[in-house]
Amino acid sequence: MIKIEEKLFQNRYRVDEGRPHIQISDPQVCADDCKTQSCTFACPAACYAKDEAGGVVLTTDGCLECGTCRVICSEYRNVDWSYPRGGHGILFKFG
């Protein structure tokens, strides 16, 4: 059985240095208001992680640009998301 991590490894990601296409609008909202921090387990690329202070840390490298974070955070609307510039972002190997 093939694991999802093995499938994701097939793709490549081209980082757009200094211009992330996703940002957390207000990190304090993640720490204080959002009790579930669903983005930390719903993101298929594991771009979101809990930090020691109870907040959420975002690492955009490897983002699949699926939009799950925007949907899961719709209550707080705390994710600023746009498509990466041309030639950057996810480069799917099989399609």
PDB file of N, CA and C in Angstrom:
ATOM      1  N   MET A   1       0.842  -1.179   0.000  1.00  0.00           N
ATOM      2  CA  MET A   1       0.000   0.000   0.000  1.00  0.00           C
ATOM      3  C   MET A   1       0.890   1.247   0.000  1.00  0.00           C
ATOM      4  N   ILE A   2       0.590   2.178  -0.885  1.00  0.00           N
ATOM      5  CA  ILE A   2       1.368   3.405  -0.997  1.00  0.00           C
ATOM      6  C   ILE A   2       0.811   4.448  -0.038  1.00  0.00           C
ATOM      7  N   LYS A   3       1.706   5.095   0.703  1.00  0.00           N
ATOM      8  CA  LYS A   3       1.305   6.144   1.636  1.00  0.00           C
ATOM      9  C   LYS A   3       1.199   7.474   0.906  1.00  0.00           C
ATOM     10  N   ILE A   4       0.381   8.358   1.461  1.00  0.00           N
ATOM     11  CA  ILE A   4       0.181   9.671   0.844  1.00  0.00           C
ATOM     12  C   ILE A   4       1.493  10.454   0.788  1.00  0.00           C
ATOM     13  N   GLU A   5       2.349  10.297   1.786  1.00  0.00           N
ATOM     14  CA  GLU A   5       3.623  11.000   1.797  1.00  0.00           C
ATOM     15  C   GLU A   5       4.482  10.610   0.589  1.00  0.00           C
ATOM     16  N   GLU A   6       4.415   9.337   0.200  1.00  0.00           N
ATOM     17  CA  GLU A   6       5.168   8.873  -0.959  1.00  0.00           C
ATOM     18  C   GLU A   6       4.627   9.496  -2.246  1.00  0.00           C
ATOM     19  N   LYS A   7       3.318   9.638  -2.336  1.00  0.00           N
ATOM     20  CA  LYS A   7       2.713  10.273  -3.506  1.00  0.00           C
ATOM     21  C   LYS A   7       3.068  11.759  -3.565  1.00  0.00           C
ATOM     22  N   LEU A   8       2.984  12.447  -2.431  1.00  0.00           N
ATOM     23  CA  LEU A   8       3.298  13.873  -2.387  1.00  0.00           C
ATOM     24  C   LEU A   8       4.754  14.133  -2.736  1.00  0.00           C
ATOM     25  N   PHE A   9       5.627  13.206  -2.411  1.00  0.00           N
ATOM     26  CA  PHE A   9       7.048  13.352  -2.712  1.00  0.00           C
ATOM     27  C   PHE A   9       7.301  13.400  -4.217  1.00  0.00           C
ATOM     28  N   GLN A  10       6.371  12.892  -4.999  1.00  0.00           N
ATOM     29  CA  GLN A  10       6.506  12.897  -6.457  1.00  0.00           C
ATOM     30  C   GLN A  10       6.418  14.322  -7.026  1.00  0.00           C
ATOM     31  N   ASN A  11       5.732  15.205  -6.319  1.00  0.00           N
ATOM     32  CA  ASN A  11       5.555  16.582  -6.773  1.00  0.00           C
ATOM     33  C   ASN A  11       6.746  17.434  -6.355  1.00  0.00           C
ATOM     34  N   ARG A  12       6.895  18.553  -6.995  1.00  0.00           N
ATOM     35  CA  ARG A  12       7.957  19.500  -6.645  1.00  0.00           C
ATOM     36  C   ARG A  12       7.320  20.840  -6.338  1.00  0.00           C
ATOM     37  N   TYR A  13       8.043  21.643  -5.578  1.00  0.00           N
ATOM     38  CA  TYR A  13       7.542  22.946  -5.194  1.00  0.00           C
ATOM     39  C   TYR A  13       8.633  23.977  -5.445  1.00  0.00           C
ATOM     40  N   ARG A  14       8.298  25.007  -6.180  1.00  0.00           N
ATOM     41  CA  ARG A  14       9.251  26.081  -6.453  1.00  0.00           C
ATOM     42  C   ARG A  14       8.892  27.282  -5.584  1.00  0.00           C
ATOM     43  N   VAL A  15       9.764  27.579  -4.624  1.00  0.00           N
ATOM     44  CA  VAL A  15       9.530  28.636  -3.649  1.00  0.00           C
ATOM     45  C   VAL A  15       9.727  30.002  -4.302  1.00  0.00           C
ATOM     46  N   ASP A  16       8.811  30.903  -4.040  1.00  0.00           N
ATOM     47  CA  ASP A  16       8.910  32.286  -4.490  1.00  0.00           C
ATOM     48  C   ASP A  16       9.434  33.090  -3.295  1.00  0.00           C
ATOM     49  N   GLU A  17      10.742  33.191  -3.197  1.00  0.00           N
ATOM     50  CA  GLU A  17      11.395  33.813  -2.042  1.00  0.00           C
ATOM     51  C   GLU A  17      10.840  35.206  -1.757  1.00  0.00           C
ATOM     52  N   GLY A  18      10.453  35.436  -0.520  1.00  0.00           N
ATOM     53  CA  GLY A  18       9.979  36.735  -0.094  1.00  0.00           C
ATOM     54  C   GLY A  18       8.564  37.083  -0.499  1.00  0.00           C
ATOM     55  N   ARG A  19       7.873  36.186  -1.219  1.00  0.00           N
ATOM     56  CA  ARG A  19       6.499  36.456  -1.668  1.00  0.00           C
ATOM     57  C   ARG A  19       5.605  35.236  -1.415  1.00  0.00           C
ATOM     58  N   PRO A  20       5.324  34.946  -0.160  1.00  0.00           N
ATOM     59  CA  PRO A  20       4.453  33.787   0.108  1.00  0.00           C
ATOM     60  C   PRO A  20       3.039  34.038  -0.412  1.00  0.00           C
ATOM     61  N   HIS A  21       2.433  33.013  -0.966  1.00  0.00           N
ATOM     62  CA  HIS A  21       1.082  33.163  -1.503  1.00  0.00           C
ATOM     63  C   HIS A  21       0.007  32.928  -0.450  1.00  0.00           C
ATOM     64  N   ILE A  22       0.419  32.476   0.733  1.00  0.00           N
ATOM     65  CA  ILE A  22      -0.499  32.282   1.849  1.00  0.00           C
ATOM     66  C   ILE A  22       0.118  32.934   3.079  1.00  0.00           C
ATOM     67  N   GLN A  23      -0.719  33.611   3.836  1.00  0.00           N
ATOM     68  CA  GLN A  23      -0.270  34.189   5.096  1.00  0.00           C
ATOM     69  C   GLN A  23      -1.399  34.105   6.111  1.00  0.00           C
ATOM     70  N   ILE A  24      -1.025  33.993   7.367  1.00  0.00           N
ATOM     71  CA  ILE A  24      -2.001  34.085   8.443  1.00  0.00           C
ATOM     72  C   ILE A  24      -2.183  35.571   8.714  1.00  0.00           C
ATOM     73  N   SER A  25      -3.400  36.067   8.587  1.00  0.00           N
ATOM     74  CA  SER A  25      -3.674  37.501   8.739  1.00  0.00           C
ATOM     75  C   SER A  25      -3.297  38.010  10.122  1.00  0.00           C
ATOM     76  N   ASP A  26      -3.797  37.350  11.150  1.00  0.00           N
ATOM     77  CA  ASP A  26      -3.545  37.767  12.527  1.00  0.00           C
ATOM     78  C   ASP A  26      -3.230  36.528  13.361  1.00  0.00           C
ATOM     79  N   PRO A  27      -1.952  36.267  13.642  1.00  0.00           N
ATOM     80  CA  PRO A  27      -1.571  35.078  14.408  1.00  0.00           C
ATOM     81  C   PRO A  27      -2.254  34.995  15.780  1.00  0.00           C
ATOM     82  N   GLN A  28      -2.632  36.138  16.336  1.00  0.00           N
ATOM     83  CA  GLN A  28      -3.273  36.151  17.645  1.00  0.00           C
ATOM     84  C   GLN A  28      -4.654  35.496  17.594  1.00  0.00           C
ATOM     85  N   VAL A  29      -5.334  35.591  16.454  1.00  0.00           N
ATOM     86  CA  VAL A  29      -6.636  34.944  16.297  1.00  0.00           C
ATOM     87  C   VAL A  29      -6.478  33.431  16.424  1.00  0.00           C
ATOM     88  N   CYS A  30      -5.429  32.896  15.840  1.00  0.00           N
ATOM     89  CA  CYS A  30      -5.176  31.448  15.925  1.00  0.00           C
ATOM     90  C   CYS A  30      -4.927  31.015  17.364  1.00  0.00           C
ATOM     91  N   ALA A  31      -4.190  31.827  18.103  1.00  0.00           N
ATOM     92  CA  ALA A  31      -3.832  31.478  19.473  1.00  0.00           C
ATOM     93  C   ALA A  31      -4.981  31.682  20.453  1.00  0.00           C
ATOM     94  N   ASP A  32      -5.738  32.774  20.283  1.00  0.00           N
ATOM     95  CA  ASP A  32      -6.746  33.136  21.275  1.00  0.00           C
ATOM     96  C   ASP A  32      -8.172  32.694  20.932  1.00  0.00           C
ATOM     97  N   ASP A  33      -8.564  32.850  19.676  1.00  0.00           N
ATOM     98  CA  ASP A  33      -9.961  32.632  19.302  1.00  0.00           C
ATOM     99  C   ASP A  33     -10.252  31.234  18.766  1.00  0.00           C
ATOM    100  N   CYS A  34      -9.369  30.707  17.953  1.00  0.00           N
ATOM    101  CA  CYS A  34      -9.602  29.404  17.313  1.00  0.00           C
ATOM    102  C   CYS A  34      -9.224  28.276  18.265  1.00  0.00           C
ATOM    103  N   LYS A  35     -10.211  27.581  18.752  1.00  0.00           N
ATOM    104  CA  LYS A  35      -9.977  26.505  19.726  1.00  0.00           C
ATOM    105  C   LYS A  35      -9.570  25.187  19.072  1.00  0.00           C
ATOM    106  N   THR A  36     -10.042  24.931  17.847  1.00  0.00           N
ATOM    107  CA  THR A  36      -9.765  23.637  17.219  1.00  0.00           C
ATOM    108  C   THR A  36      -8.469  23.624  16.417  1.00  0.00           C
ATOM    109  N   GLN A  37      -8.084  24.772  15.889  1.00  0.00           N
ATOM    110  CA  GLN A  37      -6.902  24.878  15.018  1.00  0.00           C
ATOM    111  C   GLN A  37      -6.917  23.756  13.973  1.00  0.00           C
ATOM    112  N   SER A  38      -8.051  23.645  13.304  1.00  0.00           N
ATOM    113  CA  SER A  38      -8.292  22.580  12.332  1.00  0.00           C
ATOM    114  C   SER A  38      -7.292  22.559  11.188  1.00  0.00           C
ATOM    115  N   CYS A  39      -6.731  23.705  10.869  1.00  0.00           N
ATOM    116  CA  CYS A  39      -5.771  23.754   9.771  1.00  0.00           C
ATOM    117  C   CYS A  39      -4.559  22.872  10.038  1.00  0.00           C
ATOM    118  N   THR A  40      -4.231  22.649  11.319  1.00  0.00           N
ATOM    119  CA  THR A  40      -3.050  21.857  11.663  1.00  0.00           C
ATOM    120  C   THR A  40      -3.214  20.373  11.352  1.00  0.00           C
ATOM    121  N   PHE A  41      -4.456  19.926  11.182  1.00  0.00           N
ATOM    122  CA  PHE A  41      -4.636  18.515  10.805  1.00  0.00           C
ATOM    123  C   PHE A  41      -5.409  18.342   9.499  1.00  0.00           C
ATOM    124  N   ALA A  42      -6.010  19.407   8.963  1.00  0.00           N
ATOM    125  CA  ALA A  42      -6.780  19.291   7.728  1.00  0.00           C
ATOM    126  C   ALA A  42      -5.936  19.525   6.479  1.00  0.00           C
ATOM    127  N   CYS A  43      -4.872  20.280   6.580  1.00  0.00           N
ATOM    128  CA  CYS A  43      -4.029  20.578   5.418  1.00  0.00           C
ATOM    129  C   CYS A  43      -3.351  19.295   4.934  1.00  0.00           C
ATOM    130  N   PRO A  44      -3.602  18.883   3.684  1.00  0.00           N
ATOM    131  CA  PRO A  44      -3.013  17.630   3.198  1.00  0.00           C
ATOM    132  C   PRO A  44      -1.493  17.692   3.045  1.00  0.00           C
ATOM    133  N   ALA A  45      -0.929  18.882   2.962  1.00  0.00           N
ATOM    134  CA  ALA A  45       0.521  19.025   2.832  1.00  0.00           C
ATOM    135  C   ALA A  45       1.191  19.334   4.165  1.00  0.00           C
ATOM    136  N   ALA A  46       0.420  19.389   5.242  1.00  0.00           N
ATOM    137  CA  ALA A  46       0.931  19.657   6.591  1.00  0.00           C
ATOM    138  C   ALA A  46       1.719  20.964   6.661  1.00  0.00           C
ATOM    139  N   CYS A  47       1.174  22.008   6.050  1.00  0.00           N
ATOM    140  CA  CYS A  47       1.826  23.324   6.062  1.00  0.00           C
ATOM    141  C   CYS A  47       1.601  24.059   7.375  1.00  0.00           C
ATOM    142  N   TYR A  48       0.605  23.665   8.136  1.00  0.00           N
ATOM    143  CA  TYR A  48       0.282  24.326   9.398  1.00  0.00           C
ATOM    144  C   TYR A  48       0.664  23.426  10.566  1.00  0.00           C
ATOM    145  N   ALA A  49       1.234  24.031  11.609  1.00  0.00           N
ATOM    146  CA  ALA A  49       1.630  23.276  12.800  1.00  0.00           C
ATOM    147  C   ALA A  49       1.391  24.136  14.033  1.00  0.00           C
ATOM    148  N   LYS A  50       1.086  23.478  15.134  1.00  0.00           N
ATOM    149  CA  LYS A  50       0.929  24.196  16.405  1.00  0.00           C
ATOM    150  C   LYS A  50       2.311  24.554  16.933  1.00  0.00           C
ATOM    151  N   ASP A  51       2.399  25.727  17.576  1.00  0.00           N
ATOM    152  CA  ASP A  51       3.662  26.098  18.204  1.00  0.00           C
ATOM    153  C   ASP A  51       3.537  25.996  19.726  1.00  0.00           C
ATOM    154  N   GLU A  52       4.642  26.194  20.421  1.00  0.00           N
ATOM    155  CA  GLU A  52       4.671  26.026  21.873  1.00  0.00           C
ATOM    156  C   GLU A  52       3.786  27.037  22.599  1.00  0.00           C
ATOM    157  N   ALA A  53       3.569  28.197  21.997  1.00  0.00           N
ATOM    158  CA  ALA A  53       2.784  29.251  22.624  1.00  0.00           C
ATOM    159  C   ALA A  53       1.284  29.081  22.410  1.00  0.00           C
ATOM    160  N   GLY A  54       0.873  28.016  21.734  1.00  0.00           N
ATOM    161  CA  GLY A  54      -0.542  27.779  21.487  1.00  0.00           C
ATOM    162  C   GLY A  54      -1.060  28.370  20.192  1.00  0.00           C
ATOM    163  N   GLY A  55      -0.168  28.929  19.391  1.00  0.00           N
ATOM    164  CA  GLY A  55      -0.546  29.502  18.111  1.00  0.00           C
ATOM    165  C   GLY A  55      -0.328  28.522  16.971  1.00  0.00           C
ATOM    166  N   VAL A  56      -0.379  29.049  15.766  1.00  0.00           N
ATOM    167  CA  VAL A  56      -0.195  28.236  14.567  1.00  0.00           C
ATOM    168  C   VAL A  56       0.923  28.837  13.731  1.00  0.00           C
ATOM    169  N   VAL A  57       1.799  27.971  13.242  1.00  0.00           N
ATOM    170  CA  VAL A  57       2.904  28.379  12.381  1.00  0.00           C
ATOM    171  C   VAL A  57       2.619  27.858  10.977  1.00  0.00           C
ATOM    172  N   LEU A  58       2.836  28.706   9.987  1.00  0.00           N
ATOM    173  CA  LEU A  58       2.594  28.343   8.587  1.00  0.00           C
ATOM    174  C   LEU A  58       3.914  28.249   7.839  1.00  0.00           C
ATOM    175  N   THR A  59       4.130  27.137   7.142  1.00  0.00           N
ATOM    176  CA  THR A  59       5.264  26.955   6.249  1.00  0.00           C
ATOM    177  C   THR A  59       4.689  26.683   4.865  1.00  0.00           C
ATOM    178  N   THR A  60       4.869  27.624   3.953  1.00  0.00           N
ATOM    179  CA  THR A  60       4.211  27.510   2.648  1.00  0.00           C
ATOM    180  C   THR A  60       4.925  26.563   1.692  1.00  0.00           C
ATOM    181  N   ASP A  61       6.160  26.201   1.967  1.00  0.00           N
ATOM    182  CA  ASP A  61       6.879  25.271   1.098  1.00  0.00           C
ATOM    183  C   ASP A  61       6.128  23.948   1.036  1.00  0.00           C
ATOM    184  N   GLY A  62       5.802  23.509  -0.140  1.00  0.00           N
ATOM    185  CA  GLY A  62       5.101  22.248  -0.320  1.00  0.00           C
ATOM    186  C   GLY A  62       3.591  22.379  -0.385  1.00  0.00           C
ATOM    187  N   CYS A  63       3.069  23.587  -0.312  1.00  0.00           N
ATOM    188  CA  CYS A  63       1.623  23.806  -0.376  1.00  0.00           C
ATOM    189  C   CYS A  63       1.071  23.262  -1.694  1.00  0.00           C
ATOM    190  N   LEU A  64      -0.041  22.553  -1.619  1.00  0.00           N
ATOM    191  CA  LEU A  64      -0.674  21.966  -2.800  1.00  0.00           C
ATOM    192  C   LEU A  64      -1.647  22.914  -3.480  1.00  0.00           C
ATOM    193  N   GLU A  65      -1.855  24.098  -2.896  1.00  0.00           N
ATOM    194  CA  GLU A  65      -2.750  25.117  -3.454  1.00  0.00           C
ATOM    195  C   GLU A  65      -4.174  24.596  -3.620  1.00  0.00           C
ATOM    196  N   CYS A  66      -4.599  23.773  -2.685  1.00  0.00           N
ATOM    197  CA  CYS A  66      -5.921  23.164  -2.772  1.00  0.00           C
ATOM    198  C   CYS A  66      -7.022  24.043  -2.177  1.00  0.00           C
ATOM    199  N   GLY A  67      -6.652  24.970  -1.304  1.00  0.00           N
ATOM    200  CA  GLY A  67      -7.629  25.854  -0.695  1.00  0.00           C
ATOM    201  C   GLY A  67      -8.284  25.316   0.564  1.00  0.00           C
ATOM    202  N   THR A  68      -7.846  24.176   1.054  1.00  0.00           N
ATOM    203  CA  THR A  68      -8.431  23.602   2.265  1.00  0.00           C
ATOM    204  C   THR A  68      -8.342  24.577   3.425  1.00  0.00           C
ATOM    205  N   CYS A  69      -7.234  25.277   3.553  1.00  0.00           N
ATOM    206  CA  CYS A  69      -7.056  26.203   4.675  1.00  0.00           C
ATOM    207  C   CYS A  69      -8.081  27.333   4.625  1.00  0.00           C
ATOM    208  N   ARG A  70      -8.425  27.794   3.440  1.00  0.00           N
ATOM    209  CA  ARG A  70      -9.428  28.865   3.326  1.00  0.00           C
ATOM    210  C   ARG A  70     -10.800  28.369   3.761  1.00  0.00           C
ATOM    211  N   VAL A  71     -11.126  27.152   3.388  1.00  0.00           N
ATOM    212  CA  VAL A  71     -12.431  26.589   3.741  1.00  0.00           C
ATOM    213  C   VAL A  71     -12.501  26.308   5.235  1.00  0.00           C
ATOM    214  N   ILE A  72     -11.462  25.699   5.769  1.00  0.00           N
ATOM    215  CA  ILE A  72     -11.470  25.289   7.170  1.00  0.00           C
ATOM    216  C   ILE A  72     -11.439  26.496   8.106  1.00  0.00           C
ATOM    217  N   CYS A  73     -10.902  27.624   7.627  1.00  0.00           N
ATOM    218  CA  CYS A  73     -10.806  28.836   8.445  1.00  0.00           C
ATOM    219  C   CYS A  73     -11.885  29.851   8.076  1.00  0.00           C
ATOM    220  N   SER A  74     -12.953  29.411   7.461  1.00  0.00           N
ATOM    221  CA  SER A  74     -13.986  30.342   6.996  1.00  0.00           C
ATOM    222  C   SER A  74     -14.681  31.082   8.145  1.00  0.00           C
ATOM    223  N   GLU A  75     -14.709  30.493   9.318  1.00  0.00           N
ATOM    224  CA  GLU A  75     -15.331  31.163  10.460  1.00  0.00           C
ATOM    225  C   GLU A  75     -14.561  32.429  10.853  1.00  0.00           C
ATOM    226  N   TYR A  76     -13.233  32.353  10.815  1.00  0.00           N
ATOM    227  CA  TYR A  76     -12.403  33.490  11.242  1.00  0.00           C
ATOM    228  C   TYR A  76     -11.849  34.301  10.070  1.00  0.00           C
ATOM    229  N   ARG A  77     -11.844  33.711   8.905  1.00  0.00           N
ATOM    230  CA  ARG A  77     -11.288  34.375   7.712  1.00  0.00           C
ATOM    231  C   ARG A  77      -9.902  34.954   7.997  1.00  0.00           C
ATOM    232  N   ASN A  78      -9.059  34.102   8.537  1.00  0.00           N
ATOM    233  CA  ASN A  78      -7.747  34.530   8.996  1.00  0.00           C
ATOM    234  C   ASN A  78      -6.623  34.071   8.066  1.00  0.00           C
ATOM    235  N   VAL A  79      -6.982  33.599   6.885  1.00  0.00           N
ATOM    236  CA  VAL A  79      -5.992  33.157   5.912  1.00  0.00           C
ATOM    237  C   VAL A  79      -6.064  34.050   4.680  1.00  0.00           C
ATOM    238  N   ASP A  80      -4.959  34.720   4.379  1.00  0.00           N
ATOM    239  CA  ASP A  80      -4.842  35.485   3.131  1.00  0.00           C
ATOM    240  C   ASP A  80      -4.230  34.551   2.106  1.00  0.00           C
ATOM    241  N   TRP A  81      -4.956  34.241   1.037  1.00  0.00           N
ATOM    242  CA  TRP A  81      -4.535  33.241   0.060  1.00  0.00           C
ATOM    243  C   TRP A  81      -4.683  33.793  -1.339  1.00  0.00           C
ATOM    244  N   SER A  82      -3.661  33.599  -2.145  1.00  0.00           N
ATOM    245  CA  SER A  82      -3.731  33.948  -3.565  1.00  0.00           C
ATOM    246  C   SER A  82      -2.883  32.941  -4.325  1.00  0.00           C
ATOM    247  N   TYR A  83      -3.078  32.872  -5.620  1.00  0.00           N
ATOM    248  CA  TYR A  83      -2.248  31.958  -6.406  1.00  0.00           C
ATOM    249  C   TYR A  83      -0.821  32.493  -6.474  1.00  0.00           C
ATOM    250  N   PRO A  84       0.162  31.605  -6.489  1.00  0.00           N
ATOM    251  CA  PRO A  84       1.543  32.052  -6.632  1.00  0.00           C
ATOM    252  C   PRO A  84       1.776  32.649  -8.018  1.00  0.00           C
ATOM    253  N   ARG A  85       2.839  33.422  -8.131  1.00  0.00           N
ATOM    254  CA  ARG A  85       3.199  33.961  -9.443  1.00  0.00           C
ATOM    255  C   ARG A  85       3.515  32.807 -10.388  1.00  0.00           C
ATOM    256  N   GLY A  86       3.393  33.061 -11.671  1.00  0.00           N
ATOM    257  CA  GLY A  86       3.675  32.042 -12.677  1.00  0.00           C
ATOM    258  C   GLY A  86       5.056  31.422 -12.507  1.00  0.00           C
ATOM    259  N   GLY A  87       5.120  30.122 -12.636  1.00  0.00           N
ATOM    260  CA  GLY A  87       6.383  29.400 -12.512  1.00  0.00           C
ATOM    261  C   GLY A  87       6.761  29.045 -11.090  1.00  0.00           C
ATOM    262  N   HIS A  88       5.959  29.475 -10.121  1.00  0.00           N
ATOM    263  CA  HIS A  88       6.224  29.176  -8.720  1.00  0.00           C
ATOM    264  C   HIS A  88       5.086  28.337  -8.159  1.00  0.00           C
ATOM    265  N   GLY A  89       5.323  27.791  -6.997  1.00  0.00           N
ATOM    266  CA  GLY A  89       4.304  26.986  -6.348  1.00  0.00           C
ATOM    267  C   GLY A  89       4.453  25.522  -6.689  1.00  0.00           C
ATOM    268  N   ILE A  90       3.361  24.797  -6.605  1.00  0.00           N
ATOM    269  CA  ILE A  90       3.382  23.353  -6.817  1.00  0.00           C
ATOM    270  C   ILE A  90       3.580  23.011  -8.290  1.00  0.00           C
ATOM    271  N   LEU A  91       4.422  22.048  -8.530  1.00  0.00           N
ATOM    272  CA  LEU A  91       4.674  21.550  -9.885  1.00  0.00           C
ATOM    273  C   LEU A  91       4.326  20.055  -9.866  1.00  0.00           C
ATOM    274  N   PHE A  92       3.127  19.744 -10.323  1.00  0.00           N
ATOM    275  CA  PHE A  92       2.659  18.357 -10.279  1.00  0.00           C
ATOM    276  C   PHE A  92       3.382  17.519 -11.325  1.00  0.00           C
ATOM    277  N   LYS A  93       3.884  16.395 -10.899  1.00  0.00           N
ATOM    278  CA  LYS A  93       4.630  15.517 -11.804  1.00  0.00           C
ATOM    279  C   LYS A  93       3.702  14.780 -12.759  1.00  0.00           C
ATOM    280  N   PHE A  94       2.532  14.405 -12.284  1.00  0.00           N
ATOM    281  CA  PHE A  94       1.640  13.592 -13.113  1.00  0.00           C
ATOM    282  C   PHE A  94       0.384  14.356 -13.521  1.00  0.00           C
ATOM    283  N   GLY A  95       0.525  15.583 -13.914  1.00  0.00           N
ATOM    284  CA  GLY A  95      -0.663  16.263 -14.382  1.00  0.00           C
ATOM    285  C   GLY A  95      -0.699  17.682 -14.012  1.00  0.00           C
TER     286      GLY A  95
END
